[in-house]
Amino acid sequence: MIAREASSGYDLAYRLKIMQNTHHSQIYPMLAKLEDNGYLVSTTQFQERKPNKKIYAITIDGIELLREWSKTAVKVPVSRDEFIIKLQLDWLNPKRTKELLKERISYLEEQLQETEKTLVAIQETLGLVSADEKQSNMPYQIYQRKYQLTLTEKNWCLSLLGK
């Protein structure tokens, strides 16, 4: 993401949250390490009545590292979904299973709304109008994928509740 646009750690965390559960405490040490290794540079953005922001931009070495990394094989994703683990324990507490499903549906509805807002913002910011423009824009497609996966999970949860 920094390869496309210089960003603060906070902005980066916001953009990453849709793809993975990343916390600020994970991002800032990684940014510092990448900067120490010469893959990023930072500037300080002074702000009135707010703490100053450190804005990170990728270097030529960072672009080259990213290019090389993009050529490597994709690792099998690791899934640690506490929700699914608890669902498997439905025999211990069937009432809790229904509550879990309802809680998850509520969470997924929030995610769908947030993702819809992001999709609209991408369309407006980049002027994506036609289906072809949206199809060829990878950031848009990544958020579209997130939306579809979230909607599928929500519908699955609803089906388990018999709705």
Protein backbone atom coordinates (compact mmCIF):
# COMPACT_ATOMS: atom_id res chain seq x y z
CA MET A 1 0.00 0.00 0.00
CA ILE A 2 2.87 2.35 0.75
CA ALA A 3 4.23 1.47 -2.69
CA ARG A 4 1.22 3.24 -4.21
CA GLU A 5 0.92 6.15 -1.79
CA ALA A 6 2.97 7.50 1.12
CA SER A 7 1.07 6.80 4.34
CA SER A 8 1.16 7.15 8.08
CA GLY A 9 1.10 4.03 10.24
CA TYR A 10 -2.43 4.89 11.30
CA ASP A 11 -3.64 5.19 7.68
CA LEU A 12 -1.91 1.95 6.80
CA ALA A 13 -3.56 0.12 9.71
CA TYR A 14 -6.95 1.40 8.58
CA ARG A 15 -6.41 0.16 5.03
CA LEU A 16 -5.04 -3.19 6.16
CA LYS A 17 -7.89 -3.97 8.52
CA ILE A 18 -10.10 -5.15 5.71
CA MET A 19 -7.60 -7.78 4.60
CA GLN A 20 -6.30 -8.98 7.90
CA ASN A 21 -6.62 -8.35 11.58
CA THR A 22 -3.57 -6.13 11.99
CA HIS A 23 -2.97 -3.97 15.04
CA HIS A 24 -1.05 -0.71 15.33
CA SER A 25 1.34 -2.47 17.70
CA GLN A 26 2.35 -4.77 14.83
CA ILE A 27 2.60 -2.10 12.16
CA TYR A 28 4.86 0.49 13.79
CA PRO A 29 7.74 -1.91 14.62
CA MET A 30 7.60 -3.27 11.05
CA LEU A 31 7.67 0.26 9.59
CA ALA A 32 10.67 1.12 11.78
CA LYS A 33 12.48 -2.05 10.69
CA LEU A 34 11.78 -1.37 7.00
CA GLU A 35 13.03 2.19 7.44
CA ASP A 36 16.17 1.02 9.27
CA ASN A 37 16.87 -1.36 6.38
CA GLY A 38 16.48 1.41 3.80
CA TYR A 39 13.23 0.16 2.26
CA LEU A 40 11.19 3.11 3.52
CA VAL A 41 11.90 6.75 4.29
CA SER A 42 9.81 8.93 6.55
CA THR A 43 9.01 12.59 6.88
CA THR A 44 7.27 14.32 9.74
CA GLN A 45 3.97 16.00 9.00
CA PHE A 46 3.39 18.77 11.51
CA GLN A 47 -0.19 19.20 12.68
CA GLU A 48 -1.85 21.86 14.78
CA ARG A 49 -3.55 20.62 17.93
CA LYS A 50 -2.70 17.01 17.09
CA PRO A 51 0.43 14.93 17.46
CA ASN A 52 2.74 15.11 14.47
CA LYS A 53 2.46 12.29 11.93
CA LYS A 54 5.26 10.25 10.48
CA ILE A 55 4.58 9.66 6.77
CA TYR A 56 6.32 6.69 5.18
CA ALA A 57 7.24 6.36 1.51
CA ILE A 58 8.87 3.45 -0.27
CA THR A 59 12.43 3.73 -1.61
CA ILE A 60 13.83 2.28 -4.84
CA ASP A 61 15.33 -0.56 -2.77
CA GLY A 62 11.90 -1.09 -1.23
CA ILE A 63 10.29 -1.32 -4.67
CA GLU A 64 12.92 -3.87 -5.72
CA LEU A 65 12.35 -5.92 -2.55
CA LEU A 66 8.61 -5.82 -3.20
CA ARG A 67 9.12 -6.87 -6.82
CA GLU A 68 11.23 -9.87 -5.75
CA TRP A 69 8.79 -10.84 -3.00
CA SER A 70 5.88 -10.73 -5.48
CA LYS A 71 7.63 -13.44 -7.53
CA THR A 72 7.75 -15.92 -4.64
CA ALA A 73 5.16 -18.66 -4.16
CA VAL A 74 2.10 -17.82 -2.10
CA LYS A 75 2.04 -19.54 1.28
CA VAL A 76 -1.02 -21.45 2.40
CA PRO A 77 -3.00 -19.04 4.60
CA VAL A 78 -3.16 -19.76 8.30
CA SER A 79 -6.67 -19.50 9.69
CA ARG A 80 -7.19 -19.09 13.41
CA ASP A 81 -10.90 -18.42 13.61
CA GLU A 82 -12.11 -18.55 17.20
CA PHE A 83 -15.71 -18.33 15.99
CA ILE A 84 -15.43 -21.60 14.05
CA ILE A 85 -13.72 -23.34 16.97
CA LYS A 86 -16.51 -22.28 19.32
CA LEU A 87 -19.16 -23.42 16.84
CA GLN A 88 -17.60 -26.88 16.92
CA LEU A 89 -18.33 -26.93 20.65
CA ASP A 90 -22.07 -26.52 20.10
CA TRP A 91 -22.72 -29.80 21.89
CA LEU A 92 -21.48 -28.19 25.12
CA ASN A 93 -23.91 -25.29 24.99
CA PRO A 94 -26.48 -25.21 22.16
CA LYS A 95 -28.00 -21.91 23.39
CA ARG A 96 -24.61 -20.24 23.16
CA THR A 97 -24.27 -21.46 19.58
CA LYS A 98 -27.35 -19.45 18.56
CA GLU A 99 -25.97 -16.40 20.37
CA LEU A 100 -22.62 -16.83 18.62
CA LEU A 101 -24.32 -16.97 15.24
CA LYS A 102 -26.37 -13.85 15.97
CA GLU A 103 -23.26 -12.00 17.20
CA ARG A 104 -21.37 -13.04 14.10
CA ILE A 105 -24.19 -11.89 11.82
CA SER A 106 -24.17 -8.50 13.52
CA TYR A 107 -20.39 -8.25 13.10
CA LEU A 108 -20.62 -9.31 9.45
CA GLU A 109 -23.32 -6.71 8.76
CA GLU A 110 -20.99 -4.02 10.14
CA GLN A 111 -18.20 -5.34 7.93
CA LEU A 112 -20.47 -5.28 4.88
CA GLN A 113 -21.41 -1.65 5.54
CA GLU A 114 -17.77 -0.65 6.02
CA THR A 115 -16.72 -2.48 2.87
CA GLU A 116 -19.54 -0.88 0.86
CA LYS A 117 -18.36 2.57 1.99
CA THR A 118 -14.82 1.71 0.92
CA LEU A 119 -15.98 0.47 -2.48
CA VAL A 120 -17.92 3.70 -3.06
CA ALA A 121 -14.92 5.77 -1.95
CA ILE A 122 -12.64 3.90 -4.37
CA GLN A 123 -15.12 4.40 -7.21
CA GLU A 124 -15.44 8.12 -6.49
CA THR A 125 -11.74 8.74 -5.87
CA LEU A 126 -10.60 6.91 -8.99
CA GLY A 127 -13.60 7.77 -11.15
CA LEU A 128 -14.51 4.13 -11.77
CA VAL A 129 -17.80 4.12 -13.67
CA SER A 130 -17.94 1.18 -16.06
CA ALA A 131 -17.86 -2.50 -15.17
CA ASP A 132 -14.60 -2.81 -17.16
CA GLU A 133 -12.94 -0.04 -15.12
CA LYS A 134 -13.96 -1.74 -11.89
CA GLN A 135 -12.89 -5.16 -13.19
CA SER A 136 -9.39 -3.93 -14.04
CA ASN A 137 -8.83 -2.02 -10.78
CA MET A 138 -7.20 -4.42 -8.31
CA PRO A 139 -7.83 -2.40 -5.10
CA TYR A 140 -11.51 -2.29 -6.03
CA GLN A 141 -11.51 -6.02 -6.78
CA ILE A 142 -9.84 -6.87 -3.46
CA TYR A 143 -12.56 -5.02 -1.55
CA GLN A 144 -15.20 -6.59 -3.80
CA ARG A 145 -13.79 -10.02 -2.88
CA LYS A 146 -13.95 -9.12 0.80
CA TYR A 147 -17.57 -8.05 0.37
CA GLN A 148 -18.55 -11.30 -1.37
CA LEU A 149 -16.78 -13.49 1.21
CA THR A 150 -18.42 -11.60 4.06
CA LEU A 151 -21.85 -11.82 2.45
CA THR A 152 -21.41 -15.55 1.89
CA GLU A 153 -20.48 -16.09 5.54
CA LYS A 154 -23.45 -14.01 6.70
CA ASN A 155 -25.82 -16.07 4.54
CA TRP A 156 -24.25 -19.27 5.88
CA CYS A 157 -24.83 -18.12 9.48
CA LEU A 158 -28.43 -17.20 8.64
CA SER A 159 -28.97 -20.66 7.14
CA LEU A 160 -27.70 -22.28 10.34
CA LEU A 161 -30.30 -20.29 12.25
CA GLY A 162 -32.94 -21.48 9.79
CA LYS A 163 -33.51 -18.03 8.28
